[in-house]
Each structure stands twice: as structure tokens, then as C-alpha cells.
Amino acid sequence: MIQINDDNWNNGEIVSKGITVVKVSATWCGPCKSYKPIFEEFAENHETENVHFAEADADENSELTAKAGVRGIPCTLIYNNGELKSKTTGMIDANKLSELLEAANN
């Protein structure tokens, strides 16, 4: 899983190729803690050459959260070749992640 920070986010490489699913969370956030194992297991089962998973800490990367328009956490962002296809705030399950990933492919 790719660890995102303001520096590597700003160069645009992380979300520019293929599909990138990004989880934005914080260590103090209860729902983020509950979402973490769901996201990690989903990433393990769905990462491919064209589908990548990444995470970022909202508190440590305020520039990223501002540019991505993150207003609440946890937040799941899905990019396809650099274009934001989906932004979902709140904890979601693997079925919803699958739906969002499939929609981003289209």
C-alpha cells in the first residue's frame, strides 16, 4: 500500500496511472480505525497492475486534504488516470468499495 504525503501527492504521479483508491483517515478517528482492516483486506484482494491502493493521514497532510476537498473522515477517493471518479465520506464495507471500484472503471 502506498503511503501518501503532501510531497508525493503534489507531483501527481500517485493518481495519474490507472485506478488509485485512496483512504484518508486519522489516528484519533474511531470510524477510521474500524474502516482500516476492511480497506486493507480489500486492497490485498484487489490490487493489480492497474489498480493501486494508498492511504494518507489527514492531520499530517493538510494540503492534500484541501486539494482533494476532504471535509470528513474516513474518506475514500477513487481516481482513474488522474481524474477523480468518486469521493465517499464515512466508513464503507467491501461491497460498497467493490461497487465504487467497478464504477471507476467505466
N, C-alpha and C. Protein backbone atom coordinates (compact mmCIF):
# COMPACT_ATOMS: atom_id res chain seq x y z
N MET A 1 0.85 -1.18 0.00
CA MET A 1 0.00 0.00 0.00
C MET A 1 0.90 1.24 0.00
N ILE A 2 0.55 2.17 -0.82
CA ILE A 2 1.31 3.40 -0.96
C ILE A 2 0.95 4.35 0.18
N GLN A 3 1.94 4.93 0.80
CA GLN A 3 1.73 5.95 1.83
C GLN A 3 1.82 7.32 1.16
N ILE A 4 0.74 8.08 1.23
CA ILE A 4 0.72 9.38 0.57
C ILE A 4 1.04 10.47 1.59
N ASN A 5 1.81 11.46 1.11
CA ASN A 5 2.04 12.66 1.90
C ASN A 5 1.91 13.85 0.95
N ASP A 6 1.95 15.04 1.50
CA ASP A 6 1.77 16.24 0.68
C ASP A 6 2.77 16.29 -0.48
N ASP A 7 4.01 15.87 -0.24
CA ASP A 7 5.04 15.94 -1.27
C ASP A 7 4.76 15.02 -2.46
N ASN A 8 4.53 13.73 -2.18
CA ASN A 8 4.32 12.83 -3.31
C ASN A 8 2.93 12.99 -3.92
N TRP A 9 2.01 13.59 -3.19
CA TRP A 9 0.69 13.90 -3.74
C TRP A 9 0.80 15.03 -4.77
N ASN A 10 1.57 16.04 -4.44
CA ASN A 10 1.69 17.22 -5.30
C ASN A 10 2.34 16.93 -6.65
N ASN A 11 3.19 15.92 -6.73
CA ASN A 11 3.81 15.63 -8.02
C ASN A 11 2.86 14.91 -8.97
N GLY A 12 1.72 14.43 -8.47
CA GLY A 12 0.68 13.86 -9.31
C GLY A 12 0.89 12.44 -9.79
N GLU A 13 2.04 11.87 -9.52
CA GLU A 13 2.33 10.54 -10.04
C GLU A 13 1.47 9.45 -9.42
N ILE A 14 1.10 9.59 -8.18
CA ILE A 14 0.38 8.52 -7.49
C ILE A 14 -0.97 8.23 -8.13
N VAL A 15 -1.70 9.25 -8.51
CA VAL A 15 -3.04 9.02 -9.06
C VAL A 15 -3.11 9.14 -10.57
N SER A 16 -1.97 9.31 -11.23
CA SER A 16 -2.00 9.59 -12.67
C SER A 16 -2.12 8.36 -13.56
N LYS A 17 -1.79 7.18 -13.06
CA LYS A 17 -1.78 5.99 -13.89
C LYS A 17 -2.74 4.93 -13.35
N GLY A 18 -3.69 4.55 -14.18
CA GLY A 18 -4.64 3.52 -13.78
C GLY A 18 -5.59 4.01 -12.71
N ILE A 19 -6.09 3.08 -11.93
CA ILE A 19 -7.04 3.40 -10.87
C ILE A 19 -6.29 3.41 -9.54
N THR A 20 -6.51 4.46 -8.77
CA THR A 20 -5.92 4.56 -7.44
C THR A 20 -7.04 4.83 -6.44
N VAL A 21 -7.12 3.97 -5.44
CA VAL A 21 -8.10 4.10 -4.36
C VAL A 21 -7.35 4.62 -3.15
N VAL A 22 -7.78 5.78 -2.64
CA VAL A 22 -7.08 6.44 -1.55
C VAL A 22 -7.99 6.52 -0.33
N LYS A 23 -7.46 6.07 0.82
CA LYS A 23 -8.17 6.20 2.09
C LYS A 23 -7.51 7.33 2.87
N VAL A 24 -8.30 8.34 3.23
CA VAL A 24 -7.81 9.44 4.05
C VAL A 24 -8.43 9.26 5.43
N SER A 25 -7.59 9.22 6.45
CA SER A 25 -8.07 8.97 7.81
C SER A 25 -7.18 9.69 8.81
N ALA A 26 -7.44 9.44 10.09
CA ALA A 26 -6.62 10.00 11.17
C ALA A 26 -6.53 8.97 12.30
N THR A 27 -5.45 9.01 13.03
CA THR A 27 -5.21 8.02 14.09
C THR A 27 -6.22 8.12 15.23
N TRP A 28 -6.77 9.30 15.47
CA TRP A 28 -7.69 9.51 16.59
C TRP A 28 -9.15 9.20 16.23
N CYS A 29 -9.42 8.93 14.99
CA CYS A 29 -10.79 8.77 14.48
C CYS A 29 -11.29 7.34 14.67
N GLY A 30 -12.34 7.16 15.47
CA GLY A 30 -12.91 5.84 15.72
C GLY A 30 -13.38 5.12 14.46
N PRO A 31 -14.22 5.76 13.63
CA PRO A 31 -14.65 5.10 12.39
C PRO A 31 -13.48 4.76 11.46
N CYS A 32 -12.43 5.58 11.50
CA CYS A 32 -11.24 5.31 10.67
C CYS A 32 -10.57 4.02 11.13
N LYS A 33 -10.50 3.83 12.44
CA LYS A 33 -9.90 2.61 12.98
C LYS A 33 -10.70 1.38 12.58
N SER A 34 -12.02 1.51 12.56
CA SER A 34 -12.88 0.39 12.16
C SER A 34 -12.78 0.11 10.67
N TYR A 35 -12.59 1.15 9.89
CA TYR A 35 -12.52 1.03 8.43
C TYR A 35 -11.18 0.47 7.96
N LYS A 36 -10.13 0.71 8.72
CA LYS A 36 -8.77 0.32 8.32
C LYS A 36 -8.65 -1.15 7.92
N PRO A 37 -9.11 -2.13 8.74
CA PRO A 37 -8.95 -3.53 8.33
C PRO A 37 -9.80 -3.90 7.11
N ILE A 38 -10.95 -3.26 6.96
CA ILE A 38 -11.81 -3.50 5.78
C ILE A 38 -11.07 -3.05 4.53
N PHE A 39 -10.53 -1.83 4.58
CA PHE A 39 -9.82 -1.27 3.44
C PHE A 39 -8.57 -2.09 3.12
N GLU A 40 -7.81 -2.46 4.14
CA GLU A 40 -6.57 -3.20 3.91
C GLU A 40 -6.84 -4.58 3.31
N GLU A 41 -7.85 -5.27 3.80
CA GLU A 41 -8.19 -6.59 3.24
C GLU A 41 -8.66 -6.46 1.79
N PHE A 42 -9.49 -5.44 1.53
CA PHE A 42 -9.96 -5.20 0.18
C PHE A 42 -8.78 -4.92 -0.75
N ALA A 43 -7.86 -4.10 -0.29
CA ALA A 43 -6.68 -3.76 -1.08
C ALA A 43 -5.86 -5.01 -1.40
N GLU A 44 -5.66 -5.86 -0.41
CA GLU A 44 -4.92 -7.10 -0.62
C GLU A 44 -5.53 -7.96 -1.70
N ASN A 45 -6.86 -8.01 -1.73
CA ASN A 45 -7.57 -8.88 -2.65
C ASN A 45 -7.81 -8.27 -4.03
N HIS A 46 -7.64 -6.96 -4.17
CA HIS A 46 -8.00 -6.31 -5.43
C HIS A 46 -6.87 -5.52 -6.10
N GLU A 47 -5.71 -5.46 -5.47
CA GLU A 47 -4.61 -4.72 -6.09
C GLU A 47 -4.10 -5.50 -7.31
N THR A 48 -3.96 -4.78 -8.41
CA THR A 48 -3.46 -5.37 -9.65
C THR A 48 -2.44 -4.41 -10.25
N GLU A 49 -2.00 -4.73 -11.43
CA GLU A 49 -1.06 -3.85 -12.13
C GLU A 49 -1.70 -2.50 -12.45
N ASN A 50 -3.03 -2.49 -12.61
CA ASN A 50 -3.75 -1.27 -12.98
C ASN A 50 -4.55 -0.66 -11.83
N VAL A 51 -4.67 -1.36 -10.71
CA VAL A 51 -5.44 -0.86 -9.57
C VAL A 51 -4.52 -0.80 -8.35
N HIS A 52 -4.36 0.40 -7.82
CA HIS A 52 -3.46 0.64 -6.70
C HIS A 52 -4.23 1.19 -5.51
N PHE A 53 -3.70 0.96 -4.33
CA PHE A 53 -4.32 1.43 -3.10
C PHE A 53 -3.32 2.26 -2.32
N ALA A 54 -3.84 3.31 -1.70
CA ALA A 54 -2.97 4.23 -0.96
C ALA A 54 -3.73 4.75 0.25
N GLU A 55 -2.98 5.27 1.20
CA GLU A 55 -3.59 5.88 2.37
C GLU A 55 -2.82 7.12 2.78
N ALA A 56 -3.56 8.03 3.41
CA ALA A 56 -2.96 9.29 3.86
C ALA A 56 -3.56 9.67 5.20
N ASP A 57 -2.74 10.25 6.04
CA ASP A 57 -3.19 10.76 7.33
C ASP A 57 -3.64 12.21 7.13
N ALA A 58 -4.89 12.48 7.45
CA ALA A 58 -5.47 13.81 7.23
C ALA A 58 -4.75 14.88 8.06
N ASP A 59 -4.36 14.55 9.27
CA ASP A 59 -3.72 15.53 10.15
C ASP A 59 -2.32 15.91 9.66
N GLU A 60 -1.63 14.96 9.07
CA GLU A 60 -0.25 15.21 8.63
C GLU A 60 -0.17 15.75 7.21
N ASN A 61 -1.27 15.78 6.50
CA ASN A 61 -1.26 16.16 5.08
C ASN A 61 -2.41 17.10 4.75
N SER A 62 -2.40 18.26 5.36
CA SER A 62 -3.50 19.21 5.20
C SER A 62 -3.60 19.76 3.78
N GLU A 63 -2.48 19.85 3.09
CA GLU A 63 -2.50 20.33 1.70
C GLU A 63 -3.25 19.33 0.81
N LEU A 64 -2.97 18.06 1.01
CA LEU A 64 -3.64 17.01 0.25
C LEU A 64 -5.15 17.05 0.51
N THR A 65 -5.54 17.10 1.78
CA THR A 65 -6.97 17.08 2.10
C THR A 65 -7.68 18.31 1.54
N ALA A 66 -7.02 19.44 1.54
CA ALA A 66 -7.63 20.65 0.99
C ALA A 66 -7.79 20.53 -0.52
N LYS A 67 -6.75 20.08 -1.22
CA LYS A 67 -6.82 19.95 -2.68
C LYS A 67 -7.83 18.90 -3.10
N ALA A 68 -7.97 17.83 -2.32
CA ALA A 68 -8.91 16.76 -2.66
C ALA A 68 -10.32 17.07 -2.19
N GLY A 69 -10.48 18.14 -1.44
CA GLY A 69 -11.81 18.52 -0.96
C GLY A 69 -12.36 17.61 0.13
N VAL A 70 -11.46 17.05 0.92
CA VAL A 70 -11.87 16.16 2.01
C VAL A 70 -12.42 17.01 3.15
N ARG A 71 -13.68 16.78 3.50
CA ARG A 71 -14.34 17.54 4.56
C ARG A 71 -14.65 16.69 5.79
N GLY A 72 -14.58 15.38 5.64
CA GLY A 72 -14.84 14.47 6.75
C GLY A 72 -14.04 13.20 6.54
N ILE A 73 -13.78 12.49 7.63
CA ILE A 73 -13.01 11.25 7.55
C ILE A 73 -13.75 10.13 8.28
N PRO A 74 -13.50 8.90 7.89
CA PRO A 74 -12.66 8.49 6.78
C PRO A 74 -13.26 8.92 5.45
N CYS A 75 -12.40 9.11 4.48
CA CYS A 75 -12.83 9.50 3.14
C CYS A 75 -12.13 8.59 2.14
N THR A 76 -12.89 8.06 1.20
CA THR A 76 -12.33 7.20 0.17
C THR A 76 -12.43 7.94 -1.16
N LEU A 77 -11.28 8.13 -1.78
CA LEU A 77 -11.20 8.81 -3.07
C LEU A 77 -10.78 7.78 -4.11
N ILE A 78 -11.44 7.79 -5.27
CA ILE A 78 -11.05 6.88 -6.34
C ILE A 78 -10.76 7.70 -7.59
N TYR A 79 -9.55 7.52 -8.10
CA TYR A 79 -9.09 8.22 -9.29
C TYR A 79 -8.89 7.22 -10.42
N ASN A 80 -9.20 7.65 -11.64
CA ASN A 80 -8.90 6.87 -12.82
C ASN A 80 -8.08 7.77 -13.75
N ASN A 81 -6.81 7.40 -13.92
CA ASN A 81 -5.88 8.19 -14.73
C ASN A 81 -5.88 9.67 -14.35
N GLY A 82 -5.86 9.93 -13.06
CA GLY A 82 -5.77 11.29 -12.56
C GLY A 82 -7.09 12.02 -12.37
N GLU A 83 -8.18 11.46 -12.86
CA GLU A 83 -9.49 12.10 -12.74
C GLU A 83 -10.25 11.52 -11.55
N LEU A 84 -10.71 12.39 -10.66
CA LEU A 84 -11.48 11.95 -9.51
C LEU A 84 -12.81 11.38 -9.98
N LYS A 85 -13.05 10.11 -9.69
CA LYS A 85 -14.28 9.45 -10.10
C LYS A 85 -15.28 9.30 -8.95
N SER A 86 -14.76 9.29 -7.72
CA SER A 86 -15.63 9.05 -6.58
C SER A 86 -15.00 9.60 -5.31
N LYS A 87 -15.84 10.21 -4.47
CA LYS A 87 -15.42 10.65 -3.13
C LYS A 87 -16.52 10.26 -2.16
N THR A 88 -16.20 9.39 -1.23
CA THR A 88 -17.18 8.88 -0.28
C THR A 88 -16.69 9.14 1.13
N THR A 89 -17.49 9.84 1.91
CA THR A 89 -17.13 10.12 3.30
C THR A 89 -17.84 9.13 4.20
N GLY A 90 -17.10 8.63 5.18
CA GLY A 90 -17.66 7.67 6.13
C GLY A 90 -17.12 6.27 5.88
N MET A 91 -17.36 5.42 6.86
CA MET A 91 -16.92 4.04 6.76
C MET A 91 -17.81 3.30 5.77
N ILE A 92 -17.20 2.53 4.88
CA ILE A 92 -17.97 1.73 3.93
C ILE A 92 -17.49 0.29 3.98
N ASP A 93 -18.32 -0.62 3.50
CA ASP A 93 -17.93 -2.03 3.53
C ASP A 93 -17.31 -2.46 2.20
N ALA A 94 -16.85 -3.70 2.15
CA ALA A 94 -16.18 -4.22 0.96
C ALA A 94 -17.10 -4.22 -0.25
N ASN A 95 -18.40 -4.48 -0.05
CA ASN A 95 -19.33 -4.48 -1.18
C ASN A 95 -19.41 -3.09 -1.81
N LYS A 96 -19.46 -2.06 -0.98
CA LYS A 96 -19.53 -0.69 -1.49
C LYS A 96 -18.21 -0.32 -2.18
N LEU A 97 -17.10 -0.73 -1.60
CA LEU A 97 -15.80 -0.48 -2.24
C LEU A 97 -15.77 -1.13 -3.63
N SER A 98 -16.28 -2.34 -3.72
CA SER A 98 -16.32 -3.04 -4.99
C SER A 98 -17.17 -2.30 -6.02
N GLU A 99 -18.33 -1.82 -5.58
CA GLU A 99 -19.21 -1.04 -6.46
C GLU A 99 -18.51 0.21 -6.97
N LEU A 100 -17.86 0.94 -6.06
CA LEU A 100 -17.18 2.17 -6.43
C LEU A 100 -16.02 1.90 -7.38
N LEU A 101 -15.29 0.82 -7.13
CA LEU A 101 -14.17 0.46 -7.98
C LEU A 101 -14.67 0.11 -9.39
N GLU A 102 -15.74 -0.65 -9.46
CA GLU A 102 -16.30 -1.02 -10.76
C GLU A 102 -16.79 0.22 -11.51
N ALA A 103 -17.44 1.13 -10.81
CA ALA A 103 -17.93 2.36 -11.45
C ALA A 103 -16.77 3.21 -11.97
N ALA A 104 -15.65 3.21 -11.27
CA ALA A 104 -14.49 3.99 -11.68
C ALA A 104 -13.87 3.44 -12.95
N ASN A 105 -14.08 2.16 -13.21
CA ASN A 105 -13.56 1.53 -14.41
C ASN A 105 -14.30 1.96 -15.67
N ASN A 106 -15.49 2.46 -15.50
CA ASN A 106 -16.33 2.82 -16.65
C ASN A 106 -16.19 4.27 -17.03
